[in-house]
Amino acid sequence: MFTIWKDELFKMASKKIIWLGLFLLALFLSWRLFAERKNYSVTIDGHNFYGQEAIDRDRALTAGYAGIFTEQSVQNIYEDFGFYYHDIEKDEYIGNFCNNFITRRMTNYNMVDEPSYENVSFLEGEAWEQNVAPLLNGTFVFDYTHGWDDLKEVYSMITVMAMFILLIILVSPVFSEEYSLKTANILLTTKRGRRSGIWLKAAAALFLVIIIYSVFTAYLWLIYGIVYGTQGLNASPVFIGITHVGYYPATVLGFFLFSFALGLAGLVLLTSITLLISAVCRNAFFAVILSLAVFFVPYAWMNALSWMLAPLIGRSLVNAVSHVMISMPFYLPVNWGFALTVRQIAAHLGIAFVAGVCCMGGMYWCYCNYQG
């Protein structure tokens, strides 16, 4: 039994295009991060600092204001540093992480055409109550989270999607390649090839994709830790742009662990769907194309098809299908961005589990009953 599992593992691991893709992805993300570090700047006591020194000084400065975030915290930061602004003459941004945060999140900075120190002011009235007051209720912990805010975008919006596409290419040929090479008939004549061998192939695929996903995630977390340290991991995730509505972990560290778990669930489902398609398709190339098409169906549904079909099938059915789509691999890793409750997230994970089980069952039936 171990021989089948090992051979399948080696067969998938021998695909150089996957390793090249992962290497280029890691290279791009590393280059981007260290380029960001080089361009990082902070102004302290009228002096500008750049690069890693600027990050270290900004972290140390922010530590003095870390803790429960209140209106007094905002007042202290404003009195000490004023607003963050762009110096047109020097063509430089003047400020630090603290006043950058209050300027961008609590003022009209993003509402004026050319924001300057003179025309920026705190929000007032309803705008303050809706956008700022929820952050000042005495339950959120403030700290330096610049690097973690960037990692959230890079990890969820770039890395996971790119890895999923590469892993589709990796898994798609598991069964379809055997059809193309005419080896499926031989394997299916053996008792193990028709039963346990099928599950061992699926297990090898799941094992390899989980290892790749976990190692790549650890690498990304490591390089961000090298540049930004661990400060801010105990801060509240609202300071990296996570909505305070619905379920969210209590800390930034908790958010990344939660995000990793959602991505892992999406990856397992993605592998199950791809294995089913591989067992159905007789051509390895077509299996890759169809798997990629199926992967992007939820995006097409949420952004176009749901609006087009709503008048024909009704809003209630559209909403039901949308919940299923949000449970699919394209959206499951970013479920945290939909302001969902614990119950809703659990329901989406439940849908993903049922879909995964059905796909694995379908995979087994299609391959076991193949007639070449």
Protein backbone atom coordinates (compact mmCIF):
# COMPACT_ATOMS: atom_id res chain seq x y z
CA MET A 1 0.00 0.00 0.00
CA PHE A 2 2.80 2.40 0.88
CA THR A 3 4.33 1.85 -2.57
CA ILE A 4 1.23 3.20 -4.35
CA TRP A 5 1.14 6.24 -2.07
CA LYS A 6 4.86 6.89 -2.52
CA ASP A 7 4.81 6.45 -6.30
CA GLU A 8 1.88 8.85 -6.67
CA LEU A 9 3.64 11.35 -4.41
CA PHE A 10 6.83 11.18 -6.47
CA LYS A 11 4.87 11.46 -9.72
CA MET A 12 3.24 14.70 -8.62
CA ALA A 13 6.43 16.06 -7.02
CA SER A 14 8.31 15.53 -10.30
CA LYS A 15 6.35 18.29 -12.05
CA LYS A 16 9.01 21.00 -12.35
CA ILE A 17 6.54 23.67 -13.52
CA ILE A 18 4.86 23.63 -10.09
CA TRP A 19 8.12 24.13 -8.22
CA LEU A 20 9.16 26.83 -10.67
CA GLY A 21 5.82 28.59 -10.12
CA LEU A 22 6.16 28.39 -6.34
CA PHE A 23 9.76 29.61 -6.52
CA LEU A 24 8.79 32.60 -8.67
CA LEU A 25 5.87 33.38 -6.35
CA ALA A 26 8.17 33.26 -3.31
CA LEU A 27 10.74 35.38 -5.16
CA PHE A 28 8.16 38.00 -6.11
CA LEU A 29 6.70 38.23 -2.60
CA SER A 30 10.19 38.48 -1.06
CA TRP A 31 11.26 41.16 -3.55
CA ARG A 32 8.07 43.12 -2.91
CA LEU A 33 8.47 42.96 0.86
CA PHE A 34 12.09 44.06 0.92
CA ALA A 35 11.39 46.80 -1.65
CA GLU A 36 8.64 48.06 0.67
CA ARG A 37 11.11 48.00 3.56
CA LYS A 38 13.64 50.02 1.57
CA ASN A 39 11.03 52.70 0.76
CA TYR A 40 9.57 52.85 4.28
CA SER A 41 9.95 56.26 5.96
CA VAL A 42 9.04 57.84 9.25
CA THR A 43 9.38 61.36 10.67
CA ILE A 44 10.40 61.68 14.33
CA ASP A 45 11.33 65.02 15.95
CA GLY A 46 11.68 66.61 12.53
CA HIS A 47 14.08 63.98 11.24
CA ASN A 48 13.27 61.50 8.49
CA PHE A 49 14.42 57.89 8.73
CA TYR A 50 14.29 55.25 6.03
CA GLY A 51 14.39 51.49 5.58
CA GLN A 52 14.70 49.05 8.45
CA GLU A 53 15.78 51.83 10.81
CA ALA A 54 12.53 53.66 10.10
CA ILE A 55 10.50 50.51 10.82
CA ASP A 56 12.33 49.88 14.09
CA ARG A 57 11.90 53.49 15.23
CA ASP A 58 8.24 53.55 14.23
CA ARG A 59 7.60 50.34 16.17
CA ALA A 60 9.33 51.75 19.24
CA LEU A 61 7.36 55.00 18.97
CA THR A 62 4.05 53.16 18.60
CA ALA A 63 4.79 51.04 21.68
CA GLY A 64 4.34 54.19 23.76
CA TYR A 65 0.72 54.46 22.61
CA ALA A 66 -0.12 50.76 22.61
CA GLY A 67 -3.01 49.51 24.70
CA ILE A 68 -6.78 49.96 24.82
CA PHE A 69 -7.74 52.43 22.10
CA THR A 70 -9.91 55.31 23.32
CA GLU A 71 -10.75 58.88 22.37
CA GLN A 72 -7.99 59.94 24.74
CA SER A 73 -5.53 57.84 22.73
CA VAL A 74 -6.54 59.71 19.58
CA GLN A 75 -6.19 63.04 21.38
CA ASN A 76 -2.73 62.14 22.68
CA ILE A 77 -1.49 61.13 19.23
CA TYR A 78 -2.90 64.29 17.65
CA GLU A 79 -1.40 66.57 20.29
CA ASP A 80 2.01 64.91 19.98
CA PHE A 81 2.26 64.60 16.19
CA GLY A 82 -0.62 66.37 14.47
CA PHE A 83 -1.90 64.94 11.21
CA TYR A 84 -0.01 62.82 8.71
CA TYR A 85 0.50 64.82 5.50
CA HIS A 86 2.37 65.07 2.21
CA ASP A 87 5.04 67.77 1.99
CA ILE A 88 4.76 68.99 -1.60
CA GLU A 89 8.07 70.85 -1.58
CA LYS A 90 10.06 67.86 -0.33
CA ASP A 91 7.75 65.34 -2.02
CA GLU A 92 7.71 63.30 1.19
CA TYR A 93 5.08 62.01 3.57
CA ILE A 94 5.57 63.45 7.04
CA GLY A 95 4.44 61.43 10.04
CA ASN A 96 4.50 58.02 11.65
CA PHE A 97 2.30 54.96 12.00
CA CYS A 98 0.19 56.46 14.80
CA ASN A 99 -0.80 59.73 13.19
CA ASN A 100 -1.01 58.03 9.79
CA PHE A 101 -3.68 55.74 11.23
CA ILE A 102 -5.81 58.47 12.82
CA THR A 103 -5.45 60.69 9.74
CA ARG A 104 -6.56 58.06 7.24
CA ARG A 105 -9.27 56.47 9.41
CA MET A 106 -10.67 59.41 11.38
CA THR A 107 -10.42 62.49 9.16
CA ASN A 108 -11.60 63.71 5.75
CA TYR A 109 -8.16 62.81 4.33
CA ASN A 110 -9.63 60.49 1.70
CA MET A 111 -12.44 62.88 0.80
CA VAL A 112 -10.43 65.89 -0.39
CA ASP A 113 -8.79 66.09 -3.81
CA GLU A 114 -5.36 67.21 -2.60
CA PRO A 115 -5.07 66.55 1.14
CA SER A 116 -2.66 68.82 2.98
CA TYR A 117 -2.08 69.68 6.61
CA GLU A 118 -4.33 72.73 6.31
CA ASN A 119 -7.44 71.16 4.77
CA VAL A 120 -7.55 67.91 6.78
CA SER A 121 -9.84 67.75 9.82
CA PHE A 122 -11.49 65.15 12.05
CA LEU A 123 -14.81 63.73 10.92
CA GLU A 124 -17.88 65.07 12.68
CA GLY A 125 -21.45 64.11 13.43
CA GLU A 126 -22.86 61.03 11.75
CA ALA A 127 -19.61 60.33 9.87
CA TRP A 128 -17.73 60.17 13.19
CA GLU A 129 -20.38 57.99 14.83
CA GLN A 130 -20.44 55.50 11.96
CA ASN A 131 -16.75 55.27 11.07
CA VAL A 132 -14.79 56.22 14.19
CA ALA A 133 -16.85 55.79 17.34
CA PRO A 134 -17.02 51.94 17.03
CA LEU A 135 -13.21 51.86 17.32
CA LEU A 136 -13.27 53.83 20.59
CA ASN A 137 -15.56 51.66 22.71
CA GLY A 138 -12.75 50.54 24.99
CA THR A 139 -12.47 46.95 23.74
CA PHE A 140 -9.83 47.19 20.99
CA VAL A 141 -6.08 46.95 21.61
CA PHE A 142 -3.92 49.31 19.54
CA ASP A 143 -0.33 48.61 18.49
CA TYR A 144 1.98 48.70 15.46
CA THR A 145 0.23 46.65 12.76
CA HIS A 146 1.57 48.10 9.51
CA GLY A 147 3.29 44.90 8.41
CA TRP A 148 0.36 42.69 9.37
CA ASP A 149 -2.08 44.86 7.44
CA ASP A 150 0.08 44.35 4.36
CA LEU A 151 0.43 40.60 5.01
CA LYS A 152 -3.35 40.24 5.22
CA GLU A 153 -3.72 41.59 1.69
CA VAL A 154 -0.73 39.71 0.27
CA TYR A 155 -1.60 36.38 1.88
CA SER A 156 -5.34 36.29 1.29
CA MET A 157 -5.63 38.09 -2.02
CA ILE A 158 -2.43 37.03 -3.81
CA THR A 159 -0.65 34.10 -2.22
CA VAL A 160 -3.57 31.76 -1.55
CA MET A 161 -5.13 32.37 -4.96
CA ALA A 162 -1.82 31.82 -6.77
CA MET A 163 -1.08 28.68 -4.76
CA PHE A 164 -4.55 27.29 -5.45
CA ILE A 165 -4.08 27.73 -9.20
CA LEU A 166 -0.68 26.01 -9.10
CA LEU A 167 -2.06 23.19 -6.98
CA ILE A 168 -4.92 22.66 -9.43
CA ILE A 169 -2.29 22.11 -12.12
CA LEU A 170 -0.49 19.73 -9.76
CA VAL A 171 -3.53 17.57 -8.88
CA SER A 172 -5.50 17.57 -12.14
CA PRO A 173 -3.49 14.81 -13.88
CA VAL A 174 -3.74 12.28 -10.99
CA PHE A 175 -6.37 10.15 -12.77
CA SER A 176 -6.77 11.82 -16.16
CA GLU A 177 -3.10 11.24 -17.00
CA GLU A 178 -3.62 7.50 -16.49
CA TYR A 179 -6.48 7.60 -18.99
CA SER A 180 -4.26 9.41 -21.52
CA LEU A 181 -1.38 6.97 -21.05
CA LYS A 182 -3.72 3.94 -21.20
CA THR A 183 -2.47 2.67 -17.83
CA ALA A 184 -5.80 2.95 -16.02
CA ASN A 185 -7.07 -0.36 -17.47
CA ILE A 186 -4.02 -2.20 -16.16
CA LEU A 187 -4.27 -0.69 -12.67
CA LEU A 188 -7.98 -1.40 -12.45
CA THR A 189 -7.44 -5.10 -13.11
CA THR A 190 -5.79 -5.44 -9.68
CA LYS A 191 -7.82 -5.68 -6.49
CA ARG A 192 -5.86 -2.91 -4.79
CA GLY A 193 -5.87 -0.68 -7.85
CA ARG A 194 -9.67 -0.80 -7.96
CA ARG A 195 -10.17 -0.16 -4.22
CA SER A 196 -7.59 1.03 -1.73
CA GLY A 197 -5.26 2.24 -4.47
CA ILE A 198 -7.77 4.93 -5.44
CA TRP A 199 -7.89 6.28 -1.91
CA LEU A 200 -4.09 6.12 -1.61
CA LYS A 201 -3.75 8.29 -4.73
CA ALA A 202 -6.20 10.81 -3.25
CA ALA A 203 -4.38 10.70 0.10
CA ALA A 204 -1.05 11.38 -1.61
CA ALA A 205 -2.54 14.40 -3.39
CA LEU A 206 -4.03 15.77 -0.17
CA PHE A 207 -0.79 15.19 1.74
CA LEU A 208 1.37 16.98 -0.81
CA VAL A 209 -0.88 20.02 -1.26
CA ILE A 210 -1.26 20.47 2.52
CA ILE A 211 2.53 20.30 2.98
CA ILE A 212 3.12 22.85 0.20
CA TYR A 213 0.43 25.19 1.55
CA SER A 214 1.73 24.96 5.14
CA VAL A 215 5.42 25.39 4.27
CA PHE A 216 4.75 28.33 1.94
CA THR A 217 2.57 30.00 4.58
CA ALA A 218 5.29 29.52 7.20
CA TYR A 219 7.86 31.04 4.82
CA LEU A 220 5.71 34.09 4.20
CA TRP A 221 5.06 34.61 7.92
CA LEU A 222 8.80 34.21 8.58
CA ILE A 223 9.98 36.89 6.16
CA TYR A 224 7.36 39.33 7.44
CA GLY A 225 8.50 38.57 10.99
CA ILE A 226 12.11 39.30 9.98
CA VAL A 227 11.15 42.74 8.66
CA TYR A 228 8.41 43.79 11.11
CA GLY A 229 9.10 41.64 14.19
CA THR A 230 6.25 40.28 16.27
CA GLN A 231 4.95 43.57 17.65
CA GLY A 232 1.25 44.11 16.98
CA LEU A 233 0.27 40.44 16.94
CA ASN A 234 -1.66 41.01 20.17
CA ALA A 235 -3.49 44.02 18.71
CA SER A 236 -7.13 43.82 17.65
CA PRO A 237 -7.65 42.83 14.00
CA VAL A 238 -9.83 45.90 13.38
CA PHE A 239 -6.53 47.78 13.05
CA ILE A 240 -5.64 45.76 9.96
CA GLY A 241 -8.97 46.48 8.34
CA ILE A 242 -11.06 43.56 9.62
CA THR A 243 -14.66 44.58 10.18
CA HIS A 244 -15.86 44.62 13.79
CA VAL A 245 -19.23 43.31 12.61
CA GLY A 246 -19.79 39.56 12.75
CA TYR A 247 -17.20 37.08 14.02
CA TYR A 248 -13.53 37.99 14.20
CA PRO A 249 -10.66 36.66 16.36
CA ALA A 250 -9.57 38.76 19.33
CA THR A 251 -6.00 39.36 18.09
CA VAL A 252 -4.07 39.78 14.85
CA LEU A 253 -2.30 36.48 15.54
CA GLY A 254 -5.67 34.80 16.01
CA PHE A 255 -6.84 36.28 12.71
CA PHE A 256 -3.90 34.81 10.78
CA LEU A 257 -4.39 31.39 12.37
CA PHE A 258 -8.09 31.62 11.51
CA SER A 259 -7.26 32.70 7.96
CA PHE A 260 -4.82 29.79 7.63
CA ALA A 261 -7.49 27.33 8.82
CA LEU A 262 -10.05 28.70 6.33
CA GLY A 263 -7.48 28.43 3.56
CA LEU A 264 -6.70 24.86 4.59
CA ALA A 265 -10.40 23.96 4.47
CA GLY A 266 -10.68 25.58 1.05
CA LEU A 267 -7.60 23.68 -0.13
CA VAL A 268 -9.00 20.30 0.94
CA LEU A 269 -12.24 21.03 -0.90
CA LEU A 270 -10.33 22.30 -3.93
CA THR A 271 -8.32 19.07 -4.03
CA SER A 272 -11.49 16.97 -3.75
CA ILE A 273 -13.17 18.84 -6.61
CA THR A 274 -10.06 18.62 -8.77
CA LEU A 275 -9.70 14.88 -8.11
CA LEU A 276 -13.32 14.36 -9.16
CA ILE A 277 -12.76 16.28 -12.39
CA SER A 278 -9.54 14.32 -12.96
CA ALA A 279 -11.47 11.06 -12.55
CA VAL A 280 -14.13 12.23 -15.03
CA CYS A 281 -11.89 13.69 -17.75
CA ARG A 282 -10.10 11.41 -20.20
CA ASN A 283 -7.56 14.09 -21.14
CA ALA A 284 -5.07 15.58 -18.65
CA PHE A 285 -4.97 19.01 -20.31
CA PHE A 286 -8.75 19.28 -20.41
CA ALA A 287 -8.85 18.29 -16.71
CA VAL A 288 -6.65 21.27 -15.87
CA ILE A 289 -8.77 23.68 -17.93
CA LEU A 290 -12.06 22.40 -16.50
CA SER A 291 -10.70 22.48 -12.93
CA LEU A 292 -9.60 26.10 -13.35
CA ALA A 293 -12.98 27.01 -14.87
CA VAL A 294 -14.85 25.41 -11.98
CA PHE A 295 -12.56 27.22 -9.51
CA PHE A 296 -13.57 30.61 -10.94
CA VAL A 297 -17.32 29.86 -11.21
CA PRO A 298 -18.09 31.36 -7.75
CA TYR A 299 -16.40 34.62 -8.77
CA ALA A 300 -18.48 34.77 -11.95
CA TRP A 301 -21.62 34.00 -9.98
CA MET A 302 -21.09 36.65 -7.30
CA ASN A 303 -20.07 39.38 -9.73
CA ALA A 304 -22.32 38.79 -12.73
CA LEU A 305 -24.49 35.68 -12.92
CA SER A 306 -26.41 36.26 -9.66
CA TRP A 307 -27.56 39.70 -10.82
CA MET A 308 -28.49 38.45 -14.28
CA LEU A 309 -30.48 35.45 -12.99
CA ALA A 310 -32.16 37.11 -10.00
CA PRO A 311 -35.22 38.30 -12.00
CA LEU A 312 -35.66 34.79 -13.46
CA ILE A 313 -35.19 32.49 -10.46
CA GLY A 314 -35.96 34.84 -7.56
CA ARG A 315 -33.84 36.50 -4.90
CA SER A 316 -34.28 33.76 -2.29
CA LEU A 317 -32.84 31.09 -4.60
CA VAL A 318 -30.03 33.42 -5.64
CA ASN A 319 -29.13 33.98 -1.98
CA ALA A 320 -29.13 30.22 -1.33
CA VAL A 321 -26.80 29.60 -4.27
CA SER A 322 -24.61 32.51 -3.14
CA HIS A 323 -24.11 30.85 0.25
CA VAL A 324 -22.95 27.72 -1.55
CA MET A 325 -20.60 29.76 -3.73
CA ILE A 326 -19.08 31.48 -0.69
CA SER A 327 -18.41 28.00 0.68
CA MET A 328 -16.34 27.07 -2.37
CA PRO A 329 -12.51 27.24 -2.55
CA PHE A 330 -12.42 30.65 -4.27
CA TYR A 331 -14.18 32.42 -1.37
CA LEU A 332 -13.81 30.10 1.63
CA PRO A 333 -10.30 31.38 2.54
CA VAL A 334 -11.66 34.95 2.72
CA ASN A 335 -14.90 34.21 4.59
CA TRP A 336 -13.65 36.64 7.24
CA GLY A 337 -14.27 39.48 4.76
CA PHE A 338 -18.04 38.93 4.58
CA ALA A 339 -18.85 40.01 8.18
CA LEU A 340 -20.37 36.61 8.92
CA THR A 341 -21.49 35.28 12.28
CA VAL A 342 -20.02 32.12 13.83
CA ARG A 343 -23.14 30.24 12.79
CA GLN A 344 -22.84 31.36 9.17
CA ILE A 345 -19.14 30.48 8.98
CA ALA A 346 -19.89 27.07 10.50
CA ALA A 347 -22.64 26.59 7.90
CA HIS A 348 -20.21 27.42 5.07
CA LEU A 349 -17.66 24.99 6.47
CA GLY A 350 -20.43 22.39 6.72
CA ILE A 351 -21.38 22.94 3.07
CA ALA A 352 -17.70 22.63 2.13
CA PHE A 353 -17.42 19.37 4.08
CA VAL A 354 -20.48 17.83 2.43
CA ALA A 355 -19.30 18.97 -1.01
CA GLY A 356 -15.86 17.49 -0.35
CA VAL A 357 -17.27 14.13 0.74
CA CYS A 358 -19.54 14.01 -2.33
CA CYS A 359 -16.63 14.85 -4.63
CA MET A 360 -14.44 12.14 -3.11
CA GLY A 361 -17.27 9.64 -3.47
CA GLY A 362 -17.81 10.71 -7.06
CA MET A 363 -14.08 10.43 -7.73
CA TYR A 364 -14.01 6.86 -6.46
CA TRP A 365 -17.10 5.81 -8.44
CA CYS A 366 -15.95 7.41 -11.72
CA TYR A 367 -12.45 5.93 -11.64
CA CYS A 368 -13.52 2.52 -10.32
CA ASN A 369 -16.09 2.17 -13.11
CA TYR A 370 -13.86 3.45 -15.90
CA GLN A 371 -14.20 1.48 -19.13
CA GLY A 372 -11.31 2.31 -21.43
